[in-house]
PDB file of N, CA and C in Angstrom:
ATOM      1  N   MET A   1      25.306 -14.348  23.032  1.00  0.00           N
ATOM      2  CA  MET A   1      24.456 -13.765  22.018  1.00  0.00           C
ATOM      3  C   MET A   1      23.013 -14.182  22.289  1.00  0.00           C
ATOM      4  N   ILE A   2      22.091 -13.247  22.160  1.00  0.00           N
ATOM      5  CA  ILE A   2      20.681 -13.516  22.409  1.00  0.00           C
ATOM      6  C   ILE A   2      20.075 -14.185  21.184  1.00  0.00           C
ATOM      7  N   LYS A   3      19.364 -15.247  21.416  1.00  0.00           N
ATOM      8  CA  LYS A   3      18.689 -15.934  20.317  1.00  0.00           C
ATOM      9  C   LYS A   3      17.352 -15.266  20.059  1.00  0.00           C
ATOM     10  N   LYS A   4      16.929 -15.302  18.810  1.00  0.00           N
ATOM     11  CA  LYS A   4      15.703 -14.622  18.421  1.00  0.00           C
ATOM     12  C   LYS A   4      14.508 -15.118  19.225  1.00  0.00           C
ATOM     13  N   LYS A   5      14.407 -16.413  19.446  1.00  0.00           N
ATOM     14  CA  LYS A   5      13.239 -16.929  20.144  1.00  0.00           C
ATOM     15  C   LYS A   5      13.228 -16.562  21.624  1.00  0.00           C
ATOM     16  N   ASP A   6      14.347 -16.086  22.165  1.00  0.00           N
ATOM     17  CA  ASP A   6      14.389 -15.659  23.558  1.00  0.00           C
ATOM     18  C   ASP A   6      13.634 -14.352  23.780  1.00  0.00           C
ATOM     19  N   TYR A   7      13.531 -13.529  22.777  1.00  0.00           N
ATOM     20  CA  TYR A   7      12.858 -12.250  22.942  1.00  0.00           C
ATOM     21  C   TYR A   7      11.696 -12.042  21.977  1.00  0.00           C
ATOM     22  N   GLU A   8      11.348 -13.033  21.231  1.00  0.00           N
ATOM     23  CA  GLU A   8      10.270 -12.920  20.259  1.00  0.00           C
ATOM     24  C   GLU A   8       8.918 -12.962  20.970  1.00  0.00           C
ATOM     25  N   GLU A   9       8.044 -12.032  20.635  1.00  0.00           N
ATOM     26  CA  GLU A   9       6.705 -12.010  21.210  1.00  0.00           C
ATOM     27  C   GLU A   9       5.768 -12.815  20.323  1.00  0.00           C
ATOM     28  N   LEU A  10       4.920 -13.578  20.950  1.00  0.00           N
ATOM     29  CA  LEU A  10       3.961 -14.380  20.206  1.00  0.00           C
ATOM     30  C   LEU A  10       2.593 -13.710  20.262  1.00  0.00           C
ATOM     31  N   HIS A  11       1.974 -13.565  19.117  1.00  0.00           N
ATOM     32  CA  HIS A  11       0.645 -12.978  19.012  1.00  0.00           C
ATOM     33  C   HIS A  11      -0.259 -13.957  18.287  1.00  0.00           C
ATOM     34  N   SER A  12      -1.538 -13.911  18.632  1.00  0.00           N
ATOM     35  CA  SER A  12      -2.467 -14.857  18.026  1.00  0.00           C
ATOM     36  C   SER A  12      -2.878 -14.447  16.619  1.00  0.00           C
ATOM     37  N   SER A  13      -2.762 -13.172  16.287  1.00  0.00           N
ATOM     38  CA  SER A  13      -3.192 -12.688  14.979  1.00  0.00           C
ATOM     39  C   SER A  13      -2.020 -12.032  14.255  1.00  0.00           C
ATOM     40  N   SER A  14      -1.908 -12.324  12.977  1.00  0.00           N
ATOM     41  CA  SER A  14      -0.849 -11.691  12.189  1.00  0.00           C
ATOM     42  C   SER A  14      -1.413 -10.625  11.255  1.00  0.00           C
ATOM     43  N   GLY A  15      -2.702 -10.332  11.359  1.00  0.00           N
ATOM     44  CA  GLY A  15      -3.337  -9.365  10.472  1.00  0.00           C
ATOM     45  C   GLY A  15      -2.950  -7.927  10.740  1.00  0.00           C
ATOM     46  N   GLY A  16      -2.435  -7.633  11.929  1.00  0.00           N
ATOM     47  CA  GLY A  16      -2.087  -6.264  12.278  1.00  0.00           C
ATOM     48  C   GLY A  16      -1.017  -5.660  11.399  1.00  0.00           C
ATOM     49  N   LYS A  17      -0.133  -6.492  10.862  1.00  0.00           N
ATOM     50  CA  LYS A  17       0.939  -5.944  10.031  1.00  0.00           C
ATOM     51  C   LYS A  17       0.420  -5.416   8.700  1.00  0.00           C
ATOM     52  N   TYR A  18      -0.795  -5.791   8.319  1.00  0.00           N
ATOM     53  CA  TYR A  18      -1.379  -5.320   7.067  1.00  0.00           C
ATOM     54  C   TYR A  18      -2.332  -4.149   7.273  1.00  0.00           C
ATOM     55  N   LEU A  19      -2.612  -3.790   8.515  1.00  0.00           N
ATOM     56  CA  LEU A  19      -3.582  -2.745   8.807  1.00  0.00           C
ATOM     57  C   LEU A  19      -3.158  -1.398   8.231  1.00  0.00           C
ATOM     58  N   LYS A  20      -1.917  -1.004   8.453  1.00  0.00           N
ATOM     59  CA  LYS A  20      -1.429   0.287   7.958  1.00  0.00           C
ATOM     60  C   LYS A  20      -1.532   0.349   6.442  1.00  0.00           C
ATOM     61  N   ARG A  21      -1.092  -0.717   5.776  1.00  0.00           N
ATOM     62  CA  ARG A  21      -1.147  -0.752   4.315  1.00  0.00           C
ATOM     63  C   ARG A  21      -2.578  -0.641   3.817  1.00  0.00           C
ATOM     64  N   GLY A  22      -3.481  -1.368   4.466  1.00  0.00           N
ATOM     65  CA  GLY A  22      -4.878  -1.370   4.038  1.00  0.00           C
ATOM     66  C   GLY A  22      -5.541  -0.019   4.203  1.00  0.00           C
ATOM     67  N   VAL A  23      -5.343   0.600   5.358  1.00  0.00           N
ATOM     68  CA  VAL A  23      -5.948   1.904   5.611  1.00  0.00           C
ATOM     69  C   VAL A  23      -5.387   2.943   4.646  1.00  0.00           C
ATOM     70  N   TYR A  24      -4.078   2.979   4.498  1.00  0.00           N
ATOM     71  CA  TYR A  24      -3.449   3.949   3.597  1.00  0.00           C
ATOM     72  C   TYR A  24      -3.905   3.738   2.154  1.00  0.00           C
ATOM     73  N   GLY A  25      -3.919   2.505   1.704  1.00  0.00           N
ATOM     74  CA  GLY A  25      -4.309   2.207   0.328  1.00  0.00           C
ATOM     75  C   GLY A  25      -5.747   2.579   0.040  1.00  0.00           C
ATOM     76  N   ARG A  26      -6.639   2.257   0.969  1.00  0.00           N
ATOM     77  CA  ARG A  26      -8.053   2.577   0.756  1.00  0.00           C
ATOM     78  C   ARG A  26      -8.290   4.078   0.773  1.00  0.00           C
ATOM     79  N   LEU A  27      -7.664   4.771   1.706  1.00  0.00           N
ATOM     80  CA  LEU A  27      -7.833   6.218   1.784  1.00  0.00           C
ATOM     81  C   LEU A  27      -7.302   6.890   0.523  1.00  0.00           C
ATOM     82  N   ASP A  28      -6.139   6.476   0.071  1.00  0.00           N
ATOM     83  CA  ASP A  28      -5.562   7.017  -1.154  1.00  0.00           C
ATOM     84  C   ASP A  28      -6.484   6.744  -2.339  1.00  0.00           C
ATOM     85  N   GLY A  29      -7.012   5.537  -2.422  1.00  0.00           N
ATOM     86  CA  GLY A  29      -7.901   5.171  -3.524  1.00  0.00           C
ATOM     87  C   GLY A  29      -9.181   5.979  -3.530  1.00  0.00           C
ATOM     88  N   VAL A  30      -9.759   6.198  -2.356  1.00  0.00           N
ATOM     89  CA  VAL A  30     -11.005   6.959  -2.265  1.00  0.00           C
ATOM     90  C   VAL A  30     -10.782   8.407  -2.691  1.00  0.00           C
ATOM     91  N   VAL A  31      -9.724   9.007  -2.205  1.00  0.00           N
ATOM     92  CA  VAL A  31      -9.465  10.422  -2.502  1.00  0.00           C
ATOM     93  C   VAL A  31      -9.185  10.635  -3.989  1.00  0.00           C
ATOM     94  N   THR A  32      -8.314   9.840  -4.570  1.00  0.00           N
ATOM     95  CA  THR A  32      -7.980  10.050  -5.984  1.00  0.00           C
ATOM     96  C   THR A  32      -9.142   9.691  -6.899  1.00  0.00           C
ATOM     97  N   THR A  33      -9.895   8.654  -6.554  1.00  0.00           N
ATOM     98  CA  THR A  33     -11.054   8.299  -7.378  1.00  0.00           C
ATOM     99  C   THR A  33     -12.110   9.389  -7.303  1.00  0.00           C
ATOM    100  N   PHE A  34     -12.331   9.942  -6.117  1.00  0.00           N
ATOM    101  CA  PHE A  34     -13.278  11.051  -5.983  1.00  0.00           C
ATOM    102  C   PHE A  34     -12.838  12.236  -6.834  1.00  0.00           C
ATOM    103  N   ALA A  35     -11.551  12.544  -6.823  1.00  0.00           N
ATOM    104  CA  ALA A  35     -11.050  13.672  -7.611  1.00  0.00           C
ATOM    105  C   ALA A  35     -11.267  13.444  -9.104  1.00  0.00           C
ATOM    106  N   VAL A  36     -11.004  12.230  -9.578  1.00  0.00           N
ATOM    107  CA  VAL A  36     -11.200  11.927 -11.000  1.00  0.00           C
ATOM    108  C   VAL A  36     -12.673  12.014 -11.366  1.00  0.00           C
ATOM    109  N   VAL A  37     -13.531  11.394 -10.559  1.00  0.00           N
ATOM    110  CA  VAL A  37     -14.968  11.396 -10.850  1.00  0.00           C
ATOM    111  C   VAL A  37     -15.528  12.815 -10.773  1.00  0.00           C
ATOM    112  N   ALA A  38     -15.111  13.600  -9.796  1.00  0.00           N
ATOM    113  CA  ALA A  38     -15.583  14.980  -9.684  1.00  0.00           C
ATOM    114  C   ALA A  38     -15.167  15.798 -10.899  1.00  0.00           C
ATOM    115  N   GLY A  39     -13.955  15.587 -11.374  1.00  0.00           N
ATOM    116  CA  GLY A  39     -13.504  16.297 -12.568  1.00  0.00           C
ATOM    117  C   GLY A  39     -14.285  15.910 -13.806  1.00  0.00           C
ATOM    118  N   VAL A  40     -14.601  14.632 -13.922  1.00  0.00           N
ATOM    119  CA  VAL A  40     -15.353  14.153 -15.085  1.00  0.00           C
ATOM    120  C   VAL A  40     -16.795  14.646 -15.027  1.00  0.00           C
ATOM    121  N   VAL A  41     -17.386  14.671 -13.835  1.00  0.00           N
ATOM    122  CA  VAL A  41     -18.745  15.188 -13.687  1.00  0.00           C
ATOM    123  C   VAL A  41     -18.774  16.662 -14.089  1.00  0.00           C
ATOM    124  N   GLY A  42     -17.750  17.399 -13.709  1.00  0.00           N
ATOM    125  CA  GLY A  42     -17.666  18.808 -14.075  1.00  0.00           C
ATOM    126  C   GLY A  42     -17.556  19.028 -15.573  1.00  0.00           C
ATOM    127  N   ALA A  43     -17.097  18.021 -16.291  1.00  0.00           N
ATOM    128  CA  ALA A  43     -16.982  18.125 -17.749  1.00  0.00           C
ATOM    129  C   ALA A  43     -18.278  17.736 -18.450  1.00  0.00           C
ATOM    130  N   ASN A  44     -19.318  17.413 -17.675  1.00  0.00           N
ATOM    131  CA  ASN A  44     -20.634  17.050 -18.212  1.00  0.00           C
ATOM    132  C   ASN A  44     -20.581  15.865 -19.164  1.00  0.00           C
ATOM    133  N   LEU A  45     -19.819  14.833 -18.820  1.00  0.00           N
ATOM    134  CA  LEU A  45     -19.781  13.611 -19.620  1.00  0.00           C
ATOM    135  C   LEU A  45     -20.894  12.673 -19.168  1.00  0.00           C
ATOM    136  N   SER A  46     -21.167  11.672 -19.964  1.00  0.00           N
ATOM    137  CA  SER A  46     -22.263  10.746 -19.654  1.00  0.00           C
ATOM    138  C   SER A  46     -21.940   9.897 -18.424  1.00  0.00           C
ATOM    139  N   SER A  47     -22.990   9.333 -17.837  1.00  0.00           N
ATOM    140  CA  SER A  47     -22.828   8.492 -16.644  1.00  0.00           C
ATOM    141  C   SER A  47     -21.964   7.275 -16.927  1.00  0.00           C
ATOM    142  N   ALA A  48     -22.087   6.694 -18.109  1.00  0.00           N
ATOM    143  CA  ALA A  48     -21.288   5.519 -18.469  1.00  0.00           C
ATOM    144  C   ALA A  48     -19.800   5.864 -18.487  1.00  0.00           C
ATOM    145  N   ILE A  49     -19.464   7.005 -19.041  1.00  0.00           N
ATOM    146  CA  ILE A  49     -18.062   7.439 -19.091  1.00  0.00           C
ATOM    147  C   ILE A  49     -17.540   7.686 -17.675  1.00  0.00           C
ATOM    148  N   ILE A  50     -18.372   8.290 -16.829  1.00  0.00           N
ATOM    149  CA  ILE A  50     -17.970   8.554 -15.445  1.00  0.00           C
ATOM    150  C   ILE A  50     -17.655   7.247 -14.725  1.00  0.00           C
ATOM    151  N   LEU A  51     -18.525   6.237 -14.880  1.00  0.00           N
ATOM    152  CA  LEU A  51     -18.303   4.937 -14.239  1.00  0.00           C
ATOM    153  C   LEU A  51     -17.051   4.251 -14.780  1.00  0.00           C
ATOM    154  N   ILE A  52     -16.881   4.287 -16.085  1.00  0.00           N
ATOM    155  CA  ILE A  52     -15.703   3.655 -16.694  1.00  0.00           C
ATOM    156  C   ILE A  52     -14.419   4.301 -16.181  1.00  0.00           C
ATOM    157  N   LEU A  53     -14.375   5.616 -16.169  1.00  0.00           N
ATOM    158  CA  LEU A  53     -13.178   6.309 -15.685  1.00  0.00           C
ATOM    159  C   LEU A  53     -12.953   6.077 -14.186  1.00  0.00           C
ATOM    160  N   GLY A  54     -14.041   6.014 -13.419  1.00  0.00           N
ATOM    161  CA  GLY A  54     -13.916   5.736 -11.990  1.00  0.00           C
ATOM    162  C   GLY A  54     -13.322   4.362 -11.728  1.00  0.00           C
ATOM    163  N   PHE A  55     -13.834   3.335 -12.426  1.00  0.00           N
ATOM    164  CA  PHE A  55     -13.298   1.980 -12.251  1.00  0.00           C
ATOM    165  C   PHE A  55     -11.870   1.859 -12.782  1.00  0.00           C
ATOM    166  N   ALA A  56     -11.590   2.510 -13.898  1.00  0.00           N
ATOM    167  CA  ALA A  56     -10.226   2.478 -14.432  1.00  0.00           C
ATOM    168  C   ALA A  56      -9.252   3.105 -13.436  1.00  0.00           C
ATOM    169  N   ASN A  57      -9.680   4.182 -12.809  1.00  0.00           N
ATOM    170  CA  ASN A  57      -8.839   4.831 -11.808  1.00  0.00           C
ATOM    171  C   ASN A  57      -8.633   3.931 -10.592  1.00  0.00           C
ATOM    172  N   LEU A  58      -9.679   3.230 -10.160  1.00  0.00           N
ATOM    173  CA  LEU A  58      -9.542   2.305  -9.029  1.00  0.00           C
ATOM    174  C   LEU A  58      -8.537   1.202  -9.334  1.00  0.00           C
ATOM    175  N   ILE A  59      -8.615   0.646 -10.531  1.00  0.00           N
ATOM    176  CA  ILE A  59      -7.690  -0.422 -10.924  1.00  0.00           C
ATOM    177  C   ILE A  59      -6.254   0.106 -10.986  1.00  0.00           C
ATOM    178  N   ALA A  60      -6.082   1.263 -11.613  1.00  0.00           N
ATOM    179  CA  ALA A  60      -4.739   1.850 -11.715  1.00  0.00           C
ATOM    180  C   ALA A  60      -4.172   2.173 -10.333  1.00  0.00           C
ATOM    181  N   ASP A  61      -5.006   2.710  -9.444  1.00  0.00           N
ATOM    182  CA  ASP A  61      -4.558   3.000  -8.077  1.00  0.00           C
ATOM    183  C   ASP A  61      -4.162   1.725  -7.344  1.00  0.00           C
ATOM    184  N   GLY A  62      -4.943   0.680  -7.521  1.00  0.00           N
ATOM    185  CA  GLY A  62      -4.631  -0.589  -6.864  1.00  0.00           C
ATOM    186  C   GLY A  62      -3.298  -1.151  -7.309  1.00  0.00           C
ATOM    187  N   ILE A  63      -3.067  -1.130  -8.607  1.00  0.00           N
ATOM    188  CA  ILE A  63      -1.795  -1.626  -9.144  1.00  0.00           C
ATOM    189  C   ILE A  63      -0.637  -0.757  -8.652  1.00  0.00           C
ATOM    190  N   SER A  64      -0.827   0.545  -8.697  1.00  0.00           N
ATOM    191  CA  SER A  64       0.215   1.466  -8.252  1.00  0.00           C
ATOM    192  C   SER A  64       0.554   1.262  -6.777  1.00  0.00           C
ATOM    193  N   MET A  65      -0.456   1.130  -5.940  1.00  0.00           N
ATOM    194  CA  MET A  65      -0.217   0.930  -4.512  1.00  0.00           C
ATOM    195  C   MET A  65       0.458  -0.411  -4.246  1.00  0.00           C
ATOM    196  N   ALA A  66       0.039  -1.451  -4.962  1.00  0.00           N
ATOM    197  CA  ALA A  66       0.634  -2.778  -4.758  1.00  0.00           C
ATOM    198  C   ALA A  66       2.109  -2.785  -5.141  1.00  0.00           C
ATOM    199  N   VAL A  67       2.428  -2.209  -6.284  1.00  0.00           N
ATOM    200  CA  VAL A  67       3.823  -2.164  -6.728  1.00  0.00           C
ATOM    201  C   VAL A  67       4.655  -1.299  -5.777  1.00  0.00           C
ATOM    202  N   GLY A  68       4.113  -0.160  -5.391  1.00  0.00           N
ATOM    203  CA  GLY A  68       4.825   0.718  -4.464  1.00  0.00           C
ATOM    204  C   GLY A  68       5.071   0.056  -3.122  1.00  0.00           C
ATOM    205  N   ASP A  69       4.064  -0.650  -2.606  1.00  0.00           N
ATOM    206  CA  ASP A  69       4.225  -1.343  -1.328  1.00  0.00           C
ATOM    207  C   ASP A  69       5.242  -2.467  -1.438  1.00  0.00           C
ATOM    208  N   TYR A  70       5.194  -3.210  -2.526  1.00  0.00           N
ATOM    209  CA  TYR A  70       6.156  -4.303  -2.731  1.00  0.00           C
ATOM    210  C   TYR A  70       7.585  -3.764  -2.767  1.00  0.00           C
ATOM    211  N   LEU A  71       7.794  -2.712  -3.555  1.00  0.00           N
ATOM    212  CA  LEU A  71       9.146  -2.162  -3.692  1.00  0.00           C
ATOM    213  C   LEU A  71       9.651  -1.545  -2.387  1.00  0.00           C
ATOM    214  N   SER A  72       8.768  -0.852  -1.666  1.00  0.00           N
ATOM    215  CA  SER A  72       9.215  -0.245  -0.408  1.00  0.00           C
ATOM    216  C   SER A  72       9.511  -1.308   0.642  1.00  0.00           C
ATOM    217  N   THR A  73       8.707  -2.370   0.694  1.00  0.00           N
ATOM    218  CA  THR A  73       8.960  -3.458   1.637  1.00  0.00           C
ATOM    219  C   THR A  73      10.252  -4.183   1.292  1.00  0.00           C
ATOM    220  N   LYS A  74      10.477  -4.412   0.002  1.00  0.00           N
ATOM    221  CA  LYS A  74      11.704  -5.073  -0.446  1.00  0.00           C
ATOM    222  C   LYS A  74      12.926  -4.213  -0.110  1.00  0.00           C
ATOM    223  N   SER A  75      12.834  -2.924  -0.376  1.00  0.00           N
ATOM    224  CA  SER A  75      13.944  -2.011  -0.084  1.00  0.00           C
ATOM    225  C   SER A  75      14.231  -1.949   1.409  1.00  0.00           C
ATOM    226  N   GLN A  76      13.181  -1.923   2.214  1.00  0.00           N
ATOM    227  CA  GLN A  76      13.360  -1.892   3.662  1.00  0.00           C
ATOM    228  C   GLN A  76      14.053  -3.164   4.148  1.00  0.00           C
ATOM    229  N   GLY A  77      13.650  -4.303   3.621  1.00  0.00           N
ATOM    230  CA  GLY A  77      14.286  -5.566   3.993  1.00  0.00           C
ATOM    231  C   GLY A  77      15.749  -5.602   3.609  1.00  0.00           C
ATOM    232  N   GLU A  78      16.065  -5.104   2.407  1.00  0.00           N
ATOM    233  CA  GLU A  78      17.461  -5.066   1.963  1.00  0.00           C
ATOM    234  C   GLU A  78      18.289  -4.121   2.833  1.00  0.00           C
ATOM    235  N   TYR A  79      17.696  -3.004   3.221  1.00  0.00           N
ATOM    236  CA  TYR A  79      18.393  -2.052   4.089  1.00  0.00           C
ATOM    237  C   TYR A  79      18.697  -2.679   5.447  1.00  0.00           C
ATOM    238  N   TYR A  80      17.694  -3.333   6.043  1.00  0.00           N
ATOM    239  CA  TYR A  80      17.904  -3.988   7.340  1.00  0.00           C
ATOM    240  C   TYR A  80      18.963  -5.079   7.241  1.00  0.00           C
ATOM    241  N   LYS A  81      18.948  -5.817   6.150  1.00  0.00           N
ATOM    242  CA  LYS A  81      19.930  -6.884   5.957  1.00  0.00           C
ATOM    243  C   LYS A  81      21.342  -6.298   5.857  1.00  0.00           C
ATOM    244  N   ALA A  82      21.478  -5.195   5.114  1.00  0.00           N
ATOM    245  CA  ALA A  82      22.785  -4.549   4.975  1.00  0.00           C
ATOM    246  C   ALA A  82      23.263  -3.995   6.316  1.00  0.00           C
ATOM    247  N   GLU A  83      22.360  -3.380   7.072  1.00  0.00           N
ATOM    248  CA  GLU A  83      22.727  -2.839   8.382  1.00  0.00           C
ATOM    249  C   GLU A  83      23.126  -3.953   9.343  1.00  0.00           C
ATOM    250  N   LYS A  84      22.432  -5.069   9.277  1.00  0.00           N
ATOM    251  CA  LYS A  84      22.779  -6.207  10.129  1.00  0.00           C
ATOM    252  C   LYS A  84      24.176  -6.717   9.784  1.00  0.00           C
ATOM    253  N   GLY A  85      24.504  -6.743   8.481  1.00  0.00           N
ATOM    254  CA  GLY A  85      25.836  -7.155   8.047  1.00  0.00           C
ATOM    255  C   GLY A  85      26.916  -6.232   8.568  1.00  0.00           C
ATOM    256  N   VAL A  86      26.636  -4.926   8.577  1.00  0.00           N
ATOM    257  CA  VAL A  86      27.600  -3.950   9.094  1.00  0.00           C
ATOM    258  C   VAL A  86      27.805  -4.160  10.592  1.00  0.00           C
ATOM    259  N   GLU A  87      26.717  -4.396  11.318  1.00  0.00           N
ATOM    260  CA  GLU A  87      26.820  -4.582  12.765  1.00  0.00           C
ATOM    261  C   GLU A  87      27.544  -5.872  13.133  1.00  0.00           C
ATOM    262  N   GLU A  88      27.398  -6.903  12.324  1.00  0.00           N
ATOM    263  CA  GLU A  88      28.034  -8.182  12.625  1.00  0.00           C
ATOM    264  C   GLU A  88      29.525  -8.173  12.319  1.00  0.00           C
ATOM    265  N   ASN A  89      29.969  -7.269  11.464  1.00  0.00           N
ATOM    266  CA  ASN A  89      31.399  -7.216  11.097  1.00  0.00           C
ATOM    267  C   ASN A  89      32.179  -6.282  11.962  1.00  0.00           C
TER     268      ASN A  89
END
């Protein structure tokens, strides 16, 4: 049986695993916040209301992305663990 350390690659930086999440999260946040702000501007609301709604949308998007990423990562880990159990039996 091959041991994990026999084929494990060593890298100096571990930040690459967060790159996809960061790019996707920021792009999603920019697009949805722009859509909300553009809609509010079209409604001729005051600048203060536009800023408040823009920041509220950013916070909500951040929470939504964090929870979604956590749940998808957890589900993926559970799936891999279950598949490993099937292969070992």
